Amino acid sequence: MSALQKTSSPPSRPLSAITEEIQFYKAQAGQCIVEIGKRLLEAKEQLPHGQWEAWLEKSVEFTPRTARNFMKIASEFDSNRKPVSDLPYTKLLALLQLPPEEREEFIAEPHTVNGHQKTVEEMTKRELQAAIKEKNEAVKAREEAERQLADERIRAARMEEEKKEINSCLRATRDTVGILRQNVDAKENALASLRREVDRLRARPYQKPEIPESEKEALRLEGARVANEANRRQLEALREELEEARTAKLEPVPEDEAVEAAFRFNQTVQAAADQLRTFFRLVPVDVAARELELCAQQLERQRDELYTMAQRAANLALADSDGTLPPMEEDES
């Protein structure tokens, strides 16, 4: 305050000149500002906690905000490098708005201001603010473009990977389809071959296999042996039944019921034979011949069983009349 009183005391000097001098001293070169900031940082480290703001106000007449700006300038700028050492406080403070990596180049290069090339030293505060704003917008635009480019590259790489996966799936699908087509073709060929074989067998007339005479004779002898063995077993069974009947004294079935049962049996056989004759008129000749042969063989077996039952009944009747059974025939073999 004493210095201000000395500069303002002469009445002969105009107020405008005094104001100009004040602005001049406040806008000292950047080197002084950086040096002041360095010493503020040094003092803050030495002061006990809680005494910083009181020291600023009492010792150097700085507000905490101004001190922070000076210290930040000292941390960000080198006072020994041109043109930083020639810049005033307001411009250095404005330059803090730029990213550190952009700041040095911005200070060193000229800029177009209202159609004229100007350095940072030549710009006014307003022109510098506008240039810094334009630079920051350009930096943001560049960073956004780089980000978008990086995103596009990532997206392109992802799409390329997806394309590879799709192509791999397509190749695998084509291979699978090819294998399935081969399997289908093979099955169709096998089915066609089976159909041709079925058609060939259907077209071939049925041939009853010829049995040699030696085999026929052997079969007849075997049949006679089996029949004798069966008769022997039946006679033994008849003796056992006769003995059981004598001891059990069962009530005999009435004759009219036996006649009725035989009548129903004959009608059933006749109806089945008529139905079979009608049916086999509608099938191929070879099929009819084969199946009718089987039916005839079955009827022969049933006839043999009926004859056996009749012989058995006759034997029972004979045994019932005199109490004895006829002797069993000896096996010819």
C-alpha atoms as a PDB file:
ATOM      1  CA  MET A   1       0.000   0.000   0.000  1.00  0.00           C
ATOM      2  CA  SER A   2       2.890   2.425   0.703  1.00  0.00           C
ATOM      3  CA  ALA A   3       4.187   2.006  -2.844  1.00  0.00           C
ATOM      4  CA  LEU A   4       0.733   2.772  -4.213  1.00  0.00           C
ATOM      5  CA  GLN A   5       0.537   5.937  -2.097  1.00  0.00           C
ATOM      6  CA  LYS A   6       3.913   7.067  -3.394  1.00  0.00           C
ATOM      7  CA  THR A   7       2.872   6.609  -7.025  1.00  0.00           C
ATOM      8  CA  SER A   8      -0.466   8.323  -6.527  1.00  0.00           C
ATOM      9  CA  SER A   9       0.659  11.211  -4.296  1.00  0.00           C
ATOM     10  CA  PRO A  10       1.981  13.642  -6.941  1.00  0.00           C
ATOM     11  CA  PRO A  11      -1.070  15.672  -7.889  1.00  0.00           C
ATOM     12  CA  SER A  12       0.370  16.576 -11.276  1.00  0.00           C
ATOM     13  CA  ARG A  13       0.089  13.013 -12.688  1.00  0.00           C
ATOM     14  CA  PRO A  14      -3.216  11.952 -14.272  1.00  0.00           C
ATOM     15  CA  LEU A  15      -5.187   8.923 -12.930  1.00  0.00           C
ATOM     16  CA  SER A  16      -4.947   7.158 -16.271  1.00  0.00           C
ATOM     17  CA  ALA A  17      -1.178   7.101 -16.043  1.00  0.00           C
ATOM     18  CA  ILE A  18      -1.337   5.674 -12.551  1.00  0.00           C
ATOM     19  CA  THR A  19      -3.738   2.946 -13.726  1.00  0.00           C
ATOM     20  CA  GLU A  20      -1.411   2.138 -16.613  1.00  0.00           C
ATOM     21  CA  GLU A  21       1.511   1.689 -14.242  1.00  0.00           C
ATOM     22  CA  ILE A  22      -0.527  -0.610 -11.975  1.00  0.00           C
ATOM     23  CA  GLN A  23      -1.474  -2.793 -14.952  1.00  0.00           C
ATOM     24  CA  PHE A  24       2.135  -2.804 -16.080  1.00  0.00           C
ATOM     25  CA  TYR A  25       3.444  -4.097 -12.771  1.00  0.00           C
ATOM     26  CA  LYS A  26       0.663  -6.712 -12.538  1.00  0.00           C
ATOM     27  CA  ALA A  27       1.487  -7.995 -16.023  1.00  0.00           C
ATOM     28  CA  GLN A  28       5.125  -8.768 -15.383  1.00  0.00           C
ATOM     29  CA  ALA A  29       6.835 -11.338 -17.596  1.00  0.00           C
ATOM     30  CA  GLY A  30       6.118 -15.004 -17.167  1.00  0.00           C
ATOM     31  CA  GLN A  31       9.496 -15.814 -15.669  1.00  0.00           C
ATOM     32  CA  CYS A  32       8.642 -13.813 -12.555  1.00  0.00           C
ATOM     33  CA  ILE A  33       5.270 -15.544 -12.275  1.00  0.00           C
ATOM     34  CA  VAL A  34       6.827 -19.007 -12.548  1.00  0.00           C
ATOM     35  CA  GLU A  35       9.478 -18.124  -9.980  1.00  0.00           C
ATOM     36  CA  ILE A  36       6.812 -16.810  -7.591  1.00  0.00           C
ATOM     37  CA  GLY A  37       4.825 -20.058  -8.038  1.00  0.00           C
ATOM     38  CA  LYS A  38       7.909 -22.164  -7.286  1.00  0.00           C
ATOM     39  CA  ARG A  39       8.490 -20.285  -4.044  1.00  0.00           C
ATOM     40  CA  LEU A  40       4.836 -20.618  -3.068  1.00  0.00           C
ATOM     41  CA  LEU A  41       5.150 -24.385  -3.506  1.00  0.00           C
ATOM     42  CA  GLU A  42       8.289 -24.371  -1.359  1.00  0.00           C
ATOM     43  CA  ALA A  43       6.626 -22.302   1.360  1.00  0.00           C
ATOM     44  CA  LYS A  44       3.514 -24.499   1.438  1.00  0.00           C
ATOM     45  CA  GLU A  45       5.653 -27.550   2.094  1.00  0.00           C
ATOM     46  CA  GLN A  46       7.354 -25.821   5.046  1.00  0.00           C
ATOM     47  CA  LEU A  47       4.237 -24.339   6.689  1.00  0.00           C
ATOM     48  CA  PRO A  48       2.396 -26.363   9.359  1.00  0.00           C
ATOM     49  CA  HIS A  49      -1.051 -27.621   8.492  1.00  0.00           C
ATOM     50  CA  GLY A  50      -3.745 -24.934   8.766  1.00  0.00           C
ATOM     51  CA  GLN A  51      -1.406 -21.917   8.473  1.00  0.00           C
ATOM     52  CA  TRP A  52      -1.239 -21.693   4.678  1.00  0.00           C
ATOM     53  CA  GLU A  53      -4.067 -19.245   3.989  1.00  0.00           C
ATOM     54  CA  ALA A  54      -3.155 -16.988   6.927  1.00  0.00           C
ATOM     55  CA  TRP A  55       0.433 -16.815   5.694  1.00  0.00           C
ATOM     56  CA  LEU A  56      -0.714 -15.951   2.157  1.00  0.00           C
ATOM     57  CA  GLU A  57      -2.882 -13.081   3.331  1.00  0.00           C
ATOM     58  CA  LYS A  58      -0.416 -11.669   5.840  1.00  0.00           C
ATOM     59  CA  SER A  59       2.943 -12.192   4.150  1.00  0.00           C
ATOM     60  CA  VAL A  60       2.390 -11.945   0.369  1.00  0.00           C
ATOM     61  CA  GLU A  61      -1.144 -10.540   0.129  1.00  0.00           C
ATOM     62  CA  PHE A  62      -2.354 -13.396  -2.117  1.00  0.00           C
ATOM     63  CA  THR A  63      -5.726 -15.059  -2.077  1.00  0.00           C
ATOM     64  CA  PRO A  64      -5.737 -18.874  -2.029  1.00  0.00           C
ATOM     65  CA  ARG A  65      -7.123 -18.880  -5.582  1.00  0.00           C
ATOM     66  CA  THR A  66      -4.358 -16.626  -6.901  1.00  0.00           C
ATOM     67  CA  ALA A  67      -1.736 -18.712  -5.122  1.00  0.00           C
ATOM     68  CA  ARG A  68      -3.158 -21.899  -6.654  1.00  0.00           C
ATOM     69  CA  ASN A  69      -2.936 -20.317 -10.118  1.00  0.00           C
ATOM     70  CA  PHE A  70       0.694 -19.250  -9.570  1.00  0.00           C
ATOM     71  CA  MET A  71       1.648 -22.705  -8.301  1.00  0.00           C
ATOM     72  CA  LYS A  72      -0.126 -24.433 -11.180  1.00  0.00           C
ATOM     73  CA  ILE A  73       1.676 -22.217 -13.687  1.00  0.00           C
ATOM     74  CA  ALA A  74       4.988 -23.056 -11.996  1.00  0.00           C
ATOM     75  CA  SER A  75       4.158 -26.783 -12.192  1.00  0.00           C
ATOM     76  CA  GLU A  76       3.123 -26.660 -15.855  1.00  0.00           C
ATOM     77  CA  PHE A  77       5.630 -24.236 -17.409  1.00  0.00           C
ATOM     78  CA  ASP A  78       9.423 -23.906 -17.584  1.00  0.00           C
ATOM     79  CA  SER A  79      10.467 -20.313 -16.892  1.00  0.00           C
ATOM     80  CA  ASN A  80      13.741 -20.729 -18.782  1.00  0.00           C
ATOM     81  CA  ARG A  81      12.105 -21.540 -22.138  1.00  0.00           C
ATOM     82  CA  LYS A  82      11.046 -18.990 -24.676  1.00  0.00           C
ATOM     83  CA  PRO A  83       8.435 -17.651 -25.192  1.00  0.00           C
ATOM     84  CA  VAL A  84       6.995 -18.679 -21.796  1.00  0.00           C
ATOM     85  CA  SER A  85       9.335 -16.336 -19.978  1.00  0.00           C
ATOM     86  CA  ASP A  86       7.912 -13.404 -21.953  1.00  0.00           C
ATOM     87  CA  LEU A  87       4.190 -14.149 -21.382  1.00  0.00           C
ATOM     88  CA  PRO A  88       2.106 -12.303 -18.792  1.00  0.00           C
ATOM     89  CA  TYR A  89       0.145 -13.949 -15.983  1.00  0.00           C
ATOM     90  CA  THR A  90      -3.234 -13.749 -17.736  1.00  0.00           C
ATOM     91  CA  LYS A  91      -1.965 -15.523 -20.844  1.00  0.00           C
ATOM     92  CA  LEU A  92      -0.176 -18.214 -18.869  1.00  0.00           C
ATOM     93  CA  LEU A  93      -3.349 -18.789 -16.886  1.00  0.00           C
ATOM     94  CA  ALA A  94      -5.363 -19.044 -20.103  1.00  0.00           C
ATOM     95  CA  LEU A  95      -2.865 -21.499 -21.603  1.00  0.00           C
ATOM     96  CA  LEU A  96      -3.541 -23.895 -18.715  1.00  0.00           C
ATOM     97  CA  GLN A  97      -6.839 -24.691 -20.459  1.00  0.00           C
ATOM     98  CA  LEU A  98      -4.927 -26.558 -23.166  1.00  0.00           C
ATOM     99  CA  PRO A  99      -3.858 -30.207 -22.769  1.00  0.00           C
ATOM    100  CA  PRO A 100      -0.172 -30.363 -21.695  1.00  0.00           C
ATOM    101  CA  GLU A 101       0.818 -32.263 -24.853  1.00  0.00           C
ATOM    102  CA  GLU A 102      -0.729 -29.539 -27.060  1.00  0.00           C
ATOM    103  CA  ARG A 103       0.499 -26.516 -25.113  1.00  0.00           C
ATOM    104  CA  GLU A 104       4.111 -26.187 -26.305  1.00  0.00           C
ATOM    105  CA  GLU A 105       3.212 -26.472 -29.979  1.00  0.00           C
ATOM    106  CA  PHE A 106       0.360 -23.994 -29.549  1.00  0.00           C
ATOM    107  CA  ILE A 107       2.708 -21.414 -27.995  1.00  0.00           C
ATOM    108  CA  ALA A 108       5.415 -21.870 -30.636  1.00  0.00           C
ATOM    109  CA  GLU A 109       3.211 -21.644 -33.765  1.00  0.00           C
ATOM    110  CA  PRO A 110       1.433 -18.567 -35.168  1.00  0.00           C
ATOM    111  CA  HIS A 111      -2.363 -18.539 -35.387  1.00  0.00           C
ATOM    112  CA  THR A 112      -4.822 -16.883 -37.747  1.00  0.00           C
ATOM    113  CA  VAL A 113      -6.741 -14.145 -35.955  1.00  0.00           C
ATOM    114  CA  ASN A 114      -9.214 -12.128 -38.018  1.00  0.00           C
ATOM    115  CA  GLY A 115      -7.286 -12.995 -41.171  1.00  0.00           C
ATOM    116  CA  HIS A 116      -3.871 -12.150 -39.736  1.00  0.00           C
ATOM    117  CA  GLN A 117      -1.092 -14.393 -38.441  1.00  0.00           C
ATOM    118  CA  LYS A 118      -0.289 -13.720 -34.777  1.00  0.00           C
ATOM    119  CA  THR A 119       1.815 -15.394 -32.119  1.00  0.00           C
ATOM    120  CA  VAL A 120       0.605 -15.944 -28.574  1.00  0.00           C
ATOM    121  CA  GLU A 121       2.698 -12.954 -27.460  1.00  0.00           C
ATOM    122  CA  GLU A 122       1.005 -10.725 -30.061  1.00  0.00           C
ATOM    123  CA  MET A 123      -2.566 -11.742 -29.209  1.00  0.00           C
ATOM    124  CA  THR A 124      -4.835  -9.918 -26.857  1.00  0.00           C
ATOM    125  CA  LYS A 125      -6.381 -11.816 -23.961  1.00  0.00           C
ATOM    126  CA  ARG A 126      -9.677 -12.164 -25.823  1.00  0.00           C
ATOM    127  CA  GLU A 127      -7.971 -13.328 -29.011  1.00  0.00           C
ATOM    128  CA  LEU A 128      -5.986 -15.874 -27.021  1.00  0.00           C
ATOM    129  CA  GLN A 129      -9.145 -17.169 -25.325  1.00  0.00           C
ATOM    130  CA  ALA A 130     -10.803 -17.570 -28.734  1.00  0.00           C
ATOM    131  CA  ALA A 131      -7.746 -19.336 -30.187  1.00  0.00           C
ATOM    132  CA  ILE A 132      -7.543 -21.666 -27.176  1.00  0.00           C
ATOM    133  CA  LYS A 133     -11.250 -22.465 -27.470  1.00  0.00           C
ATOM    134  CA  GLU A 134     -10.838 -23.201 -31.174  1.00  0.00           C
ATOM    135  CA  LYS A 135      -7.790 -25.368 -30.448  1.00  0.00           C
ATOM    136  CA  ASN A 136      -9.607 -27.311 -27.731  1.00  0.00           C
ATOM    137  CA  GLU A 137     -12.549 -27.877 -30.043  1.00  0.00           C
ATOM    138  CA  ALA A 138     -10.156 -29.082 -32.738  1.00  0.00           C
ATOM    139  CA  VAL A 139      -8.461 -31.396 -30.226  1.00  0.00           C
ATOM    140  CA  LYS A 140     -11.821 -32.747 -29.094  1.00  0.00           C
ATOM    141  CA  ALA A 141     -12.902 -33.223 -32.702  1.00  0.00           C
ATOM    142  CA  ARG A 142      -9.645 -35.016 -33.482  1.00  0.00           C
ATOM    143  CA  GLU A 143      -9.948 -37.208 -30.378  1.00  0.00           C
ATOM    144  CA  GLU A 144     -13.557 -37.987 -31.266  1.00  0.00           C
ATOM    145  CA  ALA A 145     -12.520 -38.853 -34.816  1.00  0.00           C
ATOM    146  CA  GLU A 146      -9.725 -41.064 -33.477  1.00  0.00           C
ATOM    147  CA  ARG A 147     -12.155 -42.710 -31.068  1.00  0.00           C
ATOM    148  CA  GLN A 148     -14.647 -43.323 -33.863  1.00  0.00           C
ATOM    149  CA  LEU A 149     -11.852 -44.656 -36.065  1.00  0.00           C
ATOM    150  CA  ALA A 150     -10.762 -46.996 -33.274  1.00  0.00           C
ATOM    151  CA  ASP A 151     -14.375 -48.103 -32.795  1.00  0.00           C
ATOM    152  CA  GLU A 152     -14.702 -48.694 -36.527  1.00  0.00           C
ATOM    153  CA  ARG A 153     -11.526 -50.749 -36.524  1.00  0.00           C
ATOM    154  CA  ILE A 154     -12.755 -52.786 -33.578  1.00  0.00           C
ATOM    155  CA  ARG A 155     -16.133 -53.214 -35.275  1.00  0.00           C
ATOM    156  CA  ALA A 156     -14.438 -54.189 -38.549  1.00  0.00           C
ATOM    157  CA  ALA A 157     -12.235 -56.711 -36.729  1.00  0.00           C
ATOM    158  CA  ARG A 158     -15.275 -58.131 -34.948  1.00  0.00           C
ATOM    159  CA  MET A 159     -17.178 -58.355 -38.234  1.00  0.00           C
ATOM    160  CA  GLU A 160     -14.196 -60.093 -39.814  1.00  0.00           C
ATOM    161  CA  GLU A 161     -14.165 -62.637 -36.985  1.00  0.00           C
ATOM    162  CA  GLU A 162     -17.907 -63.147 -37.341  1.00  0.00           C
ATOM    163  CA  LYS A 163     -17.459 -63.540 -41.089  1.00  0.00           C
ATOM    164  CA  LYS A 164     -14.819 -66.214 -40.502  1.00  0.00           C
ATOM    165  CA  GLU A 165     -17.121 -68.018 -38.059  1.00  0.00           C
ATOM    166  CA  ILE A 166     -20.032 -67.838 -40.517  1.00  0.00           C
ATOM    167  CA  ASN A 167     -17.858 -69.151 -43.349  1.00  0.00           C
ATOM    168  CA  SER A 168     -16.640 -71.952 -41.098  1.00  0.00           C
ATOM    169  CA  CYS A 169     -20.236 -72.837 -40.191  1.00  0.00           C
ATOM    170  CA  LEU A 170     -21.215 -72.741 -43.866  1.00  0.00           C
ATOM    171  CA  ARG A 171     -18.369 -75.079 -44.791  1.00  0.00           C
ATOM    172  CA  ALA A 172     -19.314 -77.460 -41.992  1.00  0.00           C
ATOM    173  CA  THR A 173     -22.968 -77.313 -43.068  1.00  0.00           C
ATOM    174  CA  ARG A 174     -22.055 -78.003 -46.691  1.00  0.00           C
ATOM    175  CA  ASP A 175     -19.932 -80.965 -45.604  1.00  0.00           C
ATOM    176  CA  THR A 176     -22.785 -82.301 -43.466  1.00  0.00           C
ATOM    177  CA  VAL A 177     -25.274 -81.838 -46.304  1.00  0.00           C
ATOM    178  CA  GLY A 178     -22.914 -83.656 -48.649  1.00  0.00           C
ATOM    179  CA  ILE A 179     -22.594 -86.600 -46.262  1.00  0.00           C
ATOM    180  CA  LEU A 180     -26.368 -86.729 -45.738  1.00  0.00           C
ATOM    181  CA  ARG A 181     -26.927 -86.597 -49.494  1.00  0.00           C
ATOM    182  CA  GLN A 182     -24.520 -89.509 -49.973  1.00  0.00           C
ATOM    183  CA  ASN A 183     -26.341 -91.487 -47.272  1.00  0.00           C
ATOM    184  CA  VAL A 184     -29.709 -90.737 -48.879  1.00  0.00           C
ATOM    185  CA  ASP A 185     -28.405 -91.757 -52.313  1.00  0.00           C
ATOM    186  CA  ALA A 186     -26.992 -94.995 -50.894  1.00  0.00           C
ATOM    187  CA  LYS A 187     -30.284 -95.823 -49.165  1.00  0.00           C
ATOM    188  CA  GLU A 188     -32.262 -95.005 -52.305  1.00  0.00           C
ATOM    189  CA  ASN A 189     -29.992 -97.291 -54.340  1.00  0.00           C
ATOM    190  CA  ALA A 190     -30.382-100.076 -51.769  1.00  0.00           C
ATOM    191  CA  LEU A 191     -34.163 -99.614 -51.766  1.00  0.00           C
ATOM    192  CA  ALA A 192     -34.265 -99.715 -55.562  1.00  0.00           C
ATOM    193  CA  SER A 193     -32.192-102.917 -55.513  1.00  0.00           C
ATOM    194  CA  LEU A 194     -34.581-104.501 -53.002  1.00  0.00           C
ATOM    195  CA  ARG A 195     -37.564-103.509 -55.121  1.00  0.00           C
ATOM    196  CA  ARG A 196     -35.978-105.082 -58.191  1.00  0.00           C
ATOM    197  CA  GLU A 197     -35.319-108.276 -56.222  1.00  0.00           C
ATOM    198  CA  VAL A 198     -38.929-108.333 -54.970  1.00  0.00           C
ATOM    199  CA  ASP A 199     -40.221-107.827 -58.526  1.00  0.00           C
ATOM    200  CA  ARG A 200     -37.959-110.617 -59.752  1.00  0.00           C
ATOM    201  CA  LEU A 201     -39.191-112.997 -57.057  1.00  0.00           C
ATOM    202  CA  ARG A 202     -42.814-112.101 -57.770  1.00  0.00           C
ATOM    203  CA  ALA A 203     -42.334-112.756 -61.490  1.00  0.00           C
ATOM    204  CA  ARG A 204     -40.739-116.157 -60.881  1.00  0.00           C
ATOM    205  CA  PRO A 205     -43.312-119.010 -60.749  1.00  0.00           C
ATOM    206  CA  TYR A 206     -43.514-121.009 -57.550  1.00  0.00           C
ATOM    207  CA  GLN A 207     -41.645-124.304 -57.758  1.00  0.00           C
ATOM    208  CA  LYS A 208     -42.284-126.950 -55.226  1.00  0.00           C
ATOM    209  CA  PRO A 209     -38.945-128.402 -54.165  1.00  0.00           C
ATOM    210  CA  GLU A 210     -38.284-131.934 -55.361  1.00  0.00           C
ATOM    211  CA  ILE A 211     -37.364-134.428 -52.627  1.00  0.00           C
ATOM    212  CA  PRO A 212     -35.157-137.378 -53.658  1.00  0.00           C
ATOM    213  CA  GLU A 213     -36.620-140.860 -53.278  1.00  0.00           C
ATOM    214  CA  SER A 214     -33.960-141.842 -50.760  1.00  0.00           C
ATOM    215  CA  GLU A 215     -34.951-138.929 -48.525  1.00  0.00           C
ATOM    216  CA  LYS A 216     -38.623-139.767 -48.966  1.00  0.00           C
ATOM    217  CA  GLU A 217     -37.988-143.372 -47.864  1.00  0.00           C
ATOM    218  CA  ALA A 218     -35.991-142.176 -44.884  1.00  0.00           C
ATOM    219  CA  LEU A 219     -38.790-139.798 -43.971  1.00  0.00           C
ATOM    220  CA  ARG A 220     -41.383-142.589 -44.243  1.00  0.00           C
ATOM    221  CA  LEU A 221     -39.350-144.872 -41.987  1.00  0.00           C
ATOM    222  CA  GLU A 222     -38.830-142.059 -39.504  1.00  0.00           C
ATOM    223  CA  GLY A 223     -42.552-141.297 -39.641  1.00  0.00           C
ATOM    224  CA  ALA A 224     -43.447-144.927 -38.966  1.00  0.00           C
ATOM    225  CA  ARG A 225     -41.059-145.035 -36.027  1.00  0.00           C
ATOM    226  CA  VAL A 226     -42.442-141.835 -34.609  1.00  0.00           C
ATOM    227  CA  ALA A 227     -46.019-143.071 -35.131  1.00  0.00           C
ATOM    228  CA  ASN A 228     -45.328-146.366 -33.342  1.00  0.00           C
ATOM    229  CA  GLU A 229     -43.701-144.496 -30.483  1.00  0.00           C
ATOM    230  CA  ALA A 230     -46.698-142.173 -30.327  1.00  0.00           C
ATOM    231  CA  ASN A 231     -49.119-145.117 -30.344  1.00  0.00           C
ATOM    232  CA  ARG A 232     -47.198-146.758 -27.536  1.00  0.00           C
ATOM    233  CA  ARG A 233     -47.315-143.616 -25.450  1.00  0.00           C
ATOM    234  CA  GLN A 234     -51.012-143.142 -26.222  1.00  0.00           C
ATOM    235  CA  LEU A 235     -51.802-146.699 -25.126  1.00  0.00           C
ATOM    236  CA  GLU A 236     -49.981-146.101 -21.885  1.00  0.00           C
ATOM    237  CA  ALA A 237     -51.899-142.874 -21.415  1.00  0.00           C
ATOM    238  CA  LEU A 238     -55.172-144.688 -22.190  1.00  0.00           C
ATOM    239  CA  ARG A 239     -54.437-147.305 -19.556  1.00  0.00           C
ATOM    240  CA  GLU A 240     -53.795-144.562 -17.033  1.00  0.00           C
ATOM    241  CA  GLU A 241     -56.986-142.731 -18.027  1.00  0.00           C
ATOM    242  CA  LEU A 242     -58.989-145.951 -17.872  1.00  0.00           C
ATOM    243  CA  GLU A 243     -57.662-146.638 -14.414  1.00  0.00           C
ATOM    244  CA  GLU A 244     -58.458-143.083 -13.318  1.00  0.00           C
ATOM    245  CA  ALA A 245     -61.935-143.326 -14.834  1.00  0.00           C
ATOM    246  CA  ARG A 246     -62.636-146.548 -12.993  1.00  0.00           C
ATOM    247  CA  THR A 247     -61.561-145.067  -9.693  1.00  0.00           C
ATOM    248  CA  ALA A 248     -63.182-141.643 -10.202  1.00  0.00           C
ATOM    249  CA  LYS A 249     -66.495-142.961 -11.543  1.00  0.00           C
ATOM    250  CA  LEU A 250     -67.087-139.790 -13.627  1.00  0.00           C
ATOM    251  CA  GLU A 251     -70.493-139.114 -15.111  1.00  0.00           C
ATOM    252  CA  PRO A 252     -70.464-139.793 -18.904  1.00  0.00           C
ATOM    253  CA  VAL A 253     -71.396-137.016 -21.400  1.00  0.00           C
ATOM    254  CA  PRO A 254     -74.845-137.589 -22.992  1.00  0.00           C
ATOM    255  CA  GLU A 255     -74.758-138.957 -26.519  1.00  0.00           C
ATOM    256  CA  ASP A 256     -76.831-136.130 -28.013  1.00  0.00           C
ATOM    257  CA  GLU A 257     -74.270-133.557 -26.760  1.00  0.00           C
ATOM    258  CA  ALA A 258     -71.445-135.503 -28.389  1.00  0.00           C
ATOM    259  CA  VAL A 259     -73.400-135.670 -31.682  1.00  0.00           C
ATOM    260  CA  GLU A 260     -74.084-131.898 -31.484  1.00  0.00           C
ATOM    261  CA  ALA A 261     -70.388-131.143 -30.888  1.00  0.00           C
ATOM    262  CA  ALA A 262     -69.368-133.272 -33.889  1.00  0.00           C
ATOM    263  CA  PHE A 263     -71.997-131.534 -36.064  1.00  0.00           C
ATOM    264  CA  ARG A 264     -70.739-128.056 -35.119  1.00  0.00           C
ATOM    265  CA  PHE A 265     -67.170-129.114 -35.826  1.00  0.00           C
ATOM    266  CA  ASN A 266     -68.072-130.348 -39.332  1.00  0.00           C
ATOM    267  CA  GLN A 267     -69.961-127.116 -40.102  1.00  0.00           C
ATOM    268  CA  THR A 268     -67.039-124.986 -38.938  1.00  0.00           C
ATOM    269  CA  VAL A 269     -64.574-126.945 -41.065  1.00  0.00           C
ATOM    270  CA  GLN A 270     -66.843-126.692 -44.123  1.00  0.00           C
ATOM    271  CA  ALA A 271     -67.340-122.912 -43.699  1.00  0.00           C
ATOM    272  CA  ALA A 272     -63.602-122.337 -43.284  1.00  0.00           C
ATOM    273  CA  ALA A 273     -62.873-124.392 -46.397  1.00  0.00           C
ATOM    274  CA  ASP A 274     -65.449-122.416 -48.460  1.00  0.00           C
ATOM    275  CA  GLN A 275     -63.994-119.114 -47.259  1.00  0.00           C
ATOM    276  CA  LEU A 276     -60.453-120.273 -48.061  1.00  0.00           C
ATOM    277  CA  ARG A 277     -61.419-121.336 -51.606  1.00  0.00           C
ATOM    278  CA  THR A 278     -63.025-117.942 -52.270  1.00  0.00           C
ATOM    279  CA  PHE A 279     -60.045-116.017 -50.897  1.00  0.00           C
ATOM    280  CA  PHE A 280     -57.362-117.895 -52.840  1.00  0.00           C
ATOM    281  CA  ARG A 281     -59.137-117.249 -56.166  1.00  0.00           C
ATOM    282  CA  LEU A 282     -58.069-113.590 -55.689  1.00  0.00           C
ATOM    283  CA  VAL A 283     -54.331-114.045 -55.013  1.00  0.00           C
ATOM    284  CA  PRO A 284     -51.474-114.892 -57.409  1.00  0.00           C
ATOM    285  CA  VAL A 285     -51.238-118.496 -58.454  1.00  0.00           C
ATOM    286  CA  ASP A 286     -47.825-119.102 -56.913  1.00  0.00           C
ATOM    287  CA  VAL A 287     -48.945-117.675 -53.570  1.00  0.00           C
ATOM    288  CA  ALA A 288     -52.160-119.722 -53.651  1.00  0.00           C
ATOM    289  CA  ALA A 289     -50.237-122.894 -54.427  1.00  0.00           C
ATOM    290  CA  ARG A 290     -47.771-122.322 -51.598  1.00  0.00           C
ATOM    291  CA  GLU A 291     -50.339-121.389 -48.946  1.00  0.00           C
ATOM    292  CA  LEU A 292     -52.862-124.068 -49.957  1.00  0.00           C
ATOM    293  CA  GLU A 293     -50.123-126.639 -49.648  1.00  0.00           C
ATOM    294  CA  LEU A 294     -49.545-125.497 -46.064  1.00  0.00           C
ATOM    295  CA  CYS A 295     -53.296-125.632 -45.347  1.00  0.00           C
ATOM    296  CA  ALA A 296     -53.519-129.143 -46.754  1.00  0.00           C
ATOM    297  CA  GLN A 297     -50.634-130.259 -44.565  1.00  0.00           C
ATOM    298  CA  GLN A 298     -52.360-128.763 -41.521  1.00  0.00           C
ATOM    299  CA  LEU A 299     -55.598-130.566 -42.411  1.00  0.00           C
ATOM    300  CA  GLU A 300     -53.707-133.817 -42.754  1.00  0.00           C
ATOM    301  CA  ARG A 301     -52.268-133.362 -39.282  1.00  0.00           C
ATOM    302  CA  GLN A 302     -55.721-132.595 -37.877  1.00  0.00           C
ATOM    303  CA  ARG A 303     -57.150-135.650 -39.684  1.00  0.00           C
ATOM    304  CA  ASP A 304     -54.419-137.856 -38.224  1.00  0.00           C
ATOM    305  CA  GLU A 305     -55.191-136.526 -34.765  1.00  0.00           C
ATOM    306  CA  LEU A 306     -58.922-137.230 -35.276  1.00  0.00           C
ATOM    307  CA  TYR A 307     -58.154-140.774 -36.441  1.00  0.00           C
ATOM    308  CA  THR A 308     -55.981-141.218 -33.389  1.00  0.00           C
ATOM    309  CA  MET A 309     -58.785-139.967 -31.143  1.00  0.00           C
ATOM    310  CA  ALA A 310     -61.250-142.337 -32.856  1.00  0.00           C
ATOM    311  CA  GLN A 311     -58.895-145.284 -32.415  1.00  0.00           C
ATOM    312  CA  ARG A 312     -58.380-144.273 -28.811  1.00  0.00           C
ATOM    313  CA  ALA A 313     -62.152-144.123 -28.228  1.00  0.00           C
ATOM    314  CA  ALA A 314     -62.543-147.522 -29.839  1.00  0.00           C
ATOM    315  CA  ASN A 315     -59.840-148.926 -27.605  1.00  0.00           C
ATOM    316  CA  LEU A 316     -61.538-147.426 -24.561  1.00  0.00           C
ATOM    317  CA  ALA A 317     -64.830-148.918 -25.658  1.00  0.00           C
ATOM    318  CA  LEU A 318     -63.170-152.291 -26.161  1.00  0.00           C
ATOM    319  CA  ALA A 319     -61.439-152.042 -22.816  1.00  0.00           C
ATOM    320  CA  ASP A 320     -64.658-151.033 -21.173  1.00  0.00           C
ATOM    321  CA  SER A 321     -66.365-154.123 -22.589  1.00  0.00           C
ATOM    322  CA  ASP A 322     -63.811-156.722 -21.432  1.00  0.00           C
ATOM    323  CA  GLY A 323     -61.543-154.663 -19.130  1.00  0.00           C
ATOM    324  CA  THR A 324     -58.371-155.028 -21.286  1.00  0.00           C
ATOM    325  CA  LEU A 325     -56.543-152.963 -23.905  1.00  0.00           C
ATOM    326  CA  PRO A 326     -55.190-154.309 -27.205  1.00  0.00           C
ATOM    327  CA  PRO A 327     -51.489-155.084 -27.228  1.00  0.00           C
ATOM    328  CA  MET A 328     -49.098-152.319 -28.460  1.00  0.00           C
ATOM    329  CA  GLU A 329     -47.516-152.843 -31.881  1.00  0.00           C
ATOM    330  CA  GLU A 330     -43.794-153.496 -31.947  1.00  0.00           C
ATOM    331  CA  ASP A 331     -41.558-150.857 -33.505  1.00  0.00           C
ATOM    332  CA  GLU A 332     -40.570-152.122 -36.945  1.00  0.00           C
ATOM    333  CA  SER A 333     -37.345-150.241 -36.798  1.00  0.00           C
END
